[in-house]
Amino acid sequence: MSADVSIFISKFITNTKEIDVDAVTYAGCVVVSAITEHVENAGVHSGDATLVLPVQDLDQTTIEKIQEATRVIALQLIVSGPLNIQFIAKDDEIKVIECN
């Protein structure tokens, strides 16, 4: 295989919740943030999804993990301005699926 070929491997995880975090940051510090939860399971395109605020089906442990991950990502990327991170969550485990 040539070194200039990219390979992307993806895994579909069933029965997961999709969560969006919208934040405003300054020099990597989160100034304000909001966590919204998709009503549908993960896999529905965001443009077609219904989101609720405040979250309805996430337990406190998952919320705290999302808040901490958001803080760490903003700090590591040294973001100043708006930040959107999309997570999936299942059984108190979270994964980042997109960060803008």
Protein backbone atom coordinates (compact mmCIF):
# COMPACT_ATOMS: atom_id res chain seq x y z
CA MET A 1 0.00 0.00 0.00
CA SER A 2 1.22 3.48 -0.84
CA ALA A 3 1.99 5.85 2.05
CA ASP A 4 -0.26 8.53 0.55
CA VAL A 5 -3.44 6.43 0.81
CA SER A 6 -5.80 7.22 3.69
CA ILE A 7 -7.96 4.57 5.30
CA PHE A 8 -11.02 5.37 7.41
CA ILE A 9 -12.63 2.68 9.54
CA SER A 10 -16.00 3.37 11.10
CA LYS A 11 -18.17 1.43 13.52
CA PHE A 12 -21.90 1.91 13.99
CA ILE A 13 -22.89 1.66 17.64
CA THR A 14 -26.57 0.89 18.17
CA ASN A 15 -28.91 2.33 20.81
CA THR A 16 -26.84 5.41 21.52
CA LYS A 17 -27.91 8.93 22.39
CA GLU A 18 -26.50 11.84 20.42
CA ILE A 19 -25.66 14.95 22.38
CA ASP A 20 -24.62 18.38 21.14
CA VAL A 21 -22.62 20.89 23.14
CA ASP A 22 -22.57 24.50 22.01
CA ALA A 23 -20.10 26.69 23.86
CA VAL A 24 -18.43 30.05 23.79
CA THR A 25 -14.77 29.91 24.73
CA TYR A 26 -11.94 32.33 25.30
CA ALA A 27 -8.29 31.22 25.05
CA GLY A 28 -9.34 27.61 25.60
CA CYS A 29 -11.55 28.29 28.63
CA VAL A 30 -15.26 27.55 28.39
CA VAL A 31 -17.17 30.74 29.22
CA VAL A 32 -20.69 29.38 28.72
CA SER A 33 -22.10 26.15 27.32
CA ALA A 34 -25.38 24.35 26.68
CA ILE A 35 -25.92 20.61 26.35
CA THR A 36 -28.79 19.50 24.10
CA GLU A 37 -29.98 15.95 23.59
CA HIS A 38 -31.30 14.45 20.37
CA VAL A 39 -34.75 12.89 20.80
CA GLU A 40 -33.91 10.23 18.20
CA ASN A 41 -31.13 7.68 18.69
CA ALA A 42 -27.79 8.57 17.12
CA GLY A 43 -27.61 8.10 13.38
CA VAL A 44 -30.29 10.59 12.35
CA HIS A 45 -28.76 13.48 10.41
CA SER A 46 -28.50 16.58 12.62
CA GLY A 47 -30.45 18.66 10.10
CA ASP A 48 -33.38 16.27 10.52
CA ALA A 49 -33.08 15.76 14.28
CA THR A 50 -35.14 17.09 17.15
CA LEU A 51 -33.14 18.37 20.13
CA VAL A 52 -34.28 19.18 23.65
CA LEU A 53 -32.93 21.50 26.31
CA PRO A 54 -32.56 20.68 29.14
CA VAL A 55 -31.52 17.08 28.51
CA GLN A 56 -34.13 14.48 29.45
CA ASP A 57 -32.51 11.03 29.43
CA LEU A 58 -28.88 11.56 30.46
CA ASP A 59 -27.73 10.73 33.93
CA GLN A 60 -25.50 13.06 35.93
CA THR A 61 -22.37 10.94 35.36
CA THR A 62 -22.73 11.25 31.58
CA ILE A 63 -23.39 15.00 31.81
CA GLU A 64 -20.27 15.47 33.93
CA LYS A 65 -18.16 13.45 31.46
CA ILE A 66 -19.47 15.60 28.59
CA GLN A 67 -18.71 18.82 30.48
CA GLU A 68 -15.18 17.65 31.29
CA ALA A 69 -14.50 16.46 27.73
CA THR A 70 -15.73 19.82 26.40
CA ARG A 71 -13.42 21.66 28.78
CA VAL A 72 -10.40 19.52 27.82
CA ILE A 73 -11.05 19.77 24.07
CA ALA A 74 -11.44 23.56 24.20
CA LEU A 75 -8.26 23.87 26.25
CA GLN A 76 -6.19 21.53 24.07
CA LEU A 77 -7.32 23.27 20.87
CA ILE A 78 -7.00 26.73 22.48
CA VAL A 79 -10.36 27.74 21.00
CA SER A 80 -11.55 31.34 21.22
CA GLY A 81 -15.10 31.84 19.99
CA PRO A 82 -17.95 29.44 19.29
CA LEU A 83 -17.43 25.69 19.66
CA ASN A 84 -19.74 22.79 18.79
CA ILE A 85 -19.00 19.22 19.82
CA GLN A 86 -21.21 16.27 19.01
CA PHE A 87 -21.02 13.22 21.25
CA ILE A 88 -22.64 9.82 21.40
CA ALA A 89 -23.35 8.25 24.77
CA LYS A 90 -24.20 4.72 25.81
CA ASP A 91 -24.00 3.23 29.31
CA ASP A 92 -22.14 6.27 30.72
CA GLU A 93 -19.47 5.99 28.00
CA ILE A 94 -19.06 8.95 25.65
CA LYS A 95 -17.34 9.34 22.29
CA VAL A 96 -16.73 12.48 20.27
CA ILE A 97 -18.10 12.16 16.75
CA GLU A 98 -17.53 15.72 15.53
CA CYS A 99 -15.96 18.97 16.71
CA ASN A 100 -16.35 22.33 14.99
